[in-house]
């Protein structure tokens, strides 16, 4: 297990997020397009700007959890570094498995740990957007071999949602 973490998780922390930047940008743009359409049409995204005090604290809290901790597990631990070299079938399979587990984590979290998140984390539109985010983060991690690429995508996504699109900052409530 220690060797696996060394060759995967810790290797992903050492790798530059700029590696395969064109793929990462492509995954981000595809995700953003889908998320915006689904989020606006479903009413999940509502333009709103949080107050200045909240705006200052949110990016710091959202970096650690959910971004860094969730990406550490769902990408850094679950996806082997070098997945792309195992072929397209493996790449797609491992990205889907990681993304599905990422989605399942949200209702589990809402039903056990963070009951105040049930309205959001049980919403099928939210779960679909979370799945798309999981795919974008998984594929970015697979192609860049950098955990930081996935962490940054996740972090920017939740910051934009909470700061500008009416998302609930579940950590500050």
Protein backbone atom coordinates (compact mmCIF):
# COMPACT_ATOMS: atom_id res chain seq x y z
CA UNK A 1 0.00 0.00 0.00
CA UNK A 2 2.81 2.43 0.86
CA UNK A 3 4.49 1.68 -2.47
CA UNK A 4 1.21 2.23 -4.33
CA UNK A 5 0.72 5.62 -2.62
CA UNK A 6 4.31 6.57 -3.35
CA UNK A 7 3.98 5.69 -7.04
CA UNK A 8 0.53 7.20 -7.45
CA UNK A 9 -0.66 9.76 -4.93
CA UNK A 10 2.70 11.29 -4.04
CA UNK A 11 3.87 11.15 -7.66
CA UNK A 12 0.70 13.05 -8.59
CA UNK A 13 1.52 15.74 -6.03
CA UNK A 14 5.00 16.18 -7.54
CA UNK A 15 3.87 16.42 -11.16
CA UNK A 16 3.21 19.78 -12.83
CA UNK A 17 -0.43 20.61 -13.60
CA UNK A 18 0.77 22.23 -16.83
CA UNK A 19 1.66 18.85 -18.29
CA UNK A 20 -0.89 18.11 -21.05
CA UNK A 21 -2.47 21.52 -20.49
CA UNK A 22 -4.35 21.36 -23.80
CA UNK A 23 -6.19 18.22 -22.72
CA UNK A 24 -6.95 19.73 -19.32
CA UNK A 25 -8.34 22.92 -20.89
CA UNK A 26 -10.46 20.84 -23.26
CA UNK A 27 -11.89 18.79 -20.38
CA UNK A 28 -12.58 21.97 -18.39
CA UNK A 29 -14.33 23.70 -21.30
CA UNK A 30 -16.51 20.65 -22.02
CA UNK A 31 -17.38 20.34 -18.32
CA UNK A 32 -18.13 24.07 -17.96
CA UNK A 33 -20.43 24.07 -20.99
CA UNK A 34 -22.45 21.09 -19.74
CA UNK A 35 -22.52 22.31 -16.12
CA UNK A 36 -23.69 25.80 -17.07
CA UNK A 37 -26.51 24.55 -19.28
CA UNK A 38 -27.72 21.98 -16.74
CA UNK A 39 -27.18 24.30 -13.77
CA UNK A 40 -29.06 27.24 -15.27
CA UNK A 41 -31.90 25.19 -16.79
CA UNK A 42 -32.45 23.25 -13.56
CA UNK A 43 -32.35 26.36 -11.38
CA UNK A 44 -29.35 25.01 -9.48
CA UNK A 45 -27.25 27.97 -10.64
CA UNK A 46 -28.68 31.36 -9.80
CA UNK A 47 -26.47 34.43 -10.24
CA UNK A 48 -25.73 35.80 -6.78
CA UNK A 49 -22.67 37.32 -5.18
CA UNK A 50 -21.88 36.54 -1.56
CA UNK A 51 -20.98 39.21 0.98
CA UNK A 52 -17.36 40.35 1.28
CA UNK A 53 -16.71 38.59 4.59
CA UNK A 54 -17.85 35.25 3.20
CA UNK A 55 -16.02 35.85 -0.09
CA UNK A 56 -12.74 36.16 1.80
CA UNK A 57 -13.11 32.92 3.77
CA UNK A 58 -14.68 30.71 1.11
CA UNK A 59 -11.69 30.10 -1.18
CA UNK A 60 -9.48 29.01 1.71
CA UNK A 61 -12.02 26.63 3.21
CA UNK A 62 -13.02 25.19 -0.17
CA UNK A 63 -9.43 24.51 -1.14
CA UNK A 64 -8.87 22.05 1.68
CA UNK A 65 -12.32 20.49 1.66
CA UNK A 66 -13.74 19.52 -0.71
CA UNK A 67 -11.11 20.19 -3.38
CA UNK A 68 -7.83 18.86 -2.01
CA UNK A 69 -9.17 16.05 0.18
CA UNK A 70 -11.73 14.72 -2.27
CA UNK A 71 -9.32 14.85 -5.21
CA UNK A 72 -6.64 13.19 -3.12
CA UNK A 73 -8.87 10.16 -2.67
CA UNK A 74 -11.03 9.99 -5.81
CA UNK A 75 -8.19 10.74 -8.21
CA UNK A 76 -4.88 10.39 -6.35
CA UNK A 77 -5.66 7.09 -4.62
CA UNK A 78 -8.25 5.46 -6.90
CA UNK A 79 -6.64 6.18 -10.27
CA UNK A 80 -3.22 4.64 -10.90
CA UNK A 81 -0.63 7.07 -12.21
CA UNK A 82 0.08 5.84 -15.73
CA UNK A 83 -3.53 4.81 -16.42
CA UNK A 84 -3.36 6.31 -19.92
CA UNK A 85 -0.50 3.98 -20.84
CA UNK A 86 -2.78 0.97 -20.15
CA UNK A 87 -4.98 1.89 -23.11
CA UNK A 88 -8.21 3.67 -23.90
CA UNK A 89 -10.50 1.01 -22.42
CA UNK A 90 -8.71 1.14 -19.05
CA UNK A 91 -8.57 4.95 -19.12
CA UNK A 92 -12.30 5.26 -19.73
CA UNK A 93 -13.15 2.52 -17.21
CA UNK A 94 -11.07 3.96 -14.37
CA UNK A 95 -12.33 7.51 -15.08
CA UNK A 96 -15.94 6.27 -14.97
CA UNK A 97 -15.40 4.25 -11.78
CA UNK A 98 -13.74 7.19 -10.03
CA UNK A 99 -16.49 9.56 -11.17
CA UNK A 100 -19.31 7.25 -10.11
CA UNK A 101 -17.77 6.78 -6.66
CA UNK A 102 -17.31 10.58 -6.45
CA UNK A 103 -21.03 11.03 -7.18
CA UNK A 104 -22.06 8.36 -4.67
CA UNK A 105 -19.97 10.07 -1.99
CA UNK A 106 -22.20 13.16 -2.07
CA UNK A 107 -25.52 11.50 -1.04
CA UNK A 108 -23.66 9.34 1.48
CA UNK A 109 -22.13 12.50 2.96
CA UNK A 110 -25.54 14.22 3.08
CA UNK A 111 -27.27 11.25 4.71
CA UNK A 112 -24.62 10.60 7.36
CA UNK A 113 -22.26 13.51 8.06
CA UNK A 114 -23.69 16.71 6.62
CA UNK A 115 -27.48 16.45 6.83
CA UNK A 116 -27.85 20.13 5.93
CA UNK A 117 -26.60 19.28 2.44
CA UNK A 118 -29.41 16.86 1.63
CA UNK A 119 -31.35 19.33 -0.51
CA UNK A 120 -28.31 19.86 -2.70
CA UNK A 121 -26.46 16.53 -2.54
CA UNK A 122 -29.59 14.49 -3.32
CA UNK A 123 -30.60 16.71 -6.24
CA UNK A 124 -30.27 14.70 -9.51
CA UNK A 125 -29.10 17.79 -11.43
CA UNK A 126 -26.38 18.42 -8.85
CA UNK A 127 -25.35 14.76 -9.03
CA UNK A 128 -25.16 14.90 -12.83
CA UNK A 129 -22.99 18.02 -12.66
CA UNK A 130 -20.84 16.31 -9.99
CA UNK A 131 -20.43 13.32 -12.32
CA UNK A 132 -19.29 15.61 -15.13
CA UNK A 133 -16.87 17.33 -12.74
CA UNK A 134 -15.58 13.92 -11.67
CA UNK A 135 -14.96 12.99 -15.31
CA UNK A 136 -13.16 16.26 -16.04
CA UNK A 137 -10.98 15.89 -12.94
CA UNK A 138 -10.31 12.20 -13.62
CA UNK A 139 -9.32 12.73 -17.24
CA UNK A 140 -7.21 15.77 -16.38
CA UNK A 141 -5.39 13.74 -13.73
CA UNK A 142 -4.92 10.79 -16.08
CA UNK A 143 -3.52 12.91 -18.92
CA UNK A 144 -1.42 15.31 -16.84
CA UNK A 145 -0.43 12.82 -14.12
CA UNK A 146 -0.78 15.80 -11.78
CA UNK A 147 -3.14 15.77 -8.84
CA UNK A 148 -2.91 19.57 -8.85
CA UNK A 149 -4.75 19.77 -12.18
CA UNK A 150 -7.75 17.96 -10.66
CA UNK A 151 -7.56 19.93 -7.40
CA UNK A 152 -7.54 23.26 -9.26
CA UNK A 153 -10.46 22.30 -11.49
CA UNK A 154 -12.48 21.20 -8.46
CA UNK A 155 -11.49 24.26 -6.43
CA UNK A 156 -12.32 26.82 -9.13
CA UNK A 157 -15.62 25.05 -9.79
CA UNK A 158 -16.84 25.13 -6.19
CA UNK A 159 -15.55 28.68 -5.66
CA UNK A 160 -17.42 29.97 -8.71
CA UNK A 161 -20.54 28.08 -7.67
CA UNK A 162 -20.49 29.35 -4.08
CA UNK A 163 -19.26 32.90 -4.77
CA UNK A 164 -21.23 33.74 -7.93
CA UNK A 165 -23.90 31.15 -8.72
CA UNK A 166 -25.86 30.86 -5.47
CA UNK A 167 -24.26 27.62 -4.28
CA UNK A 168 -24.43 26.85 -0.60
CA UNK A 169 -21.15 26.91 1.20
CA UNK A 170 -21.85 23.92 3.37
CA UNK A 171 -18.74 24.53 5.47
CA UNK A 172 -19.77 27.97 6.70
CA UNK A 173 -23.35 27.19 7.69
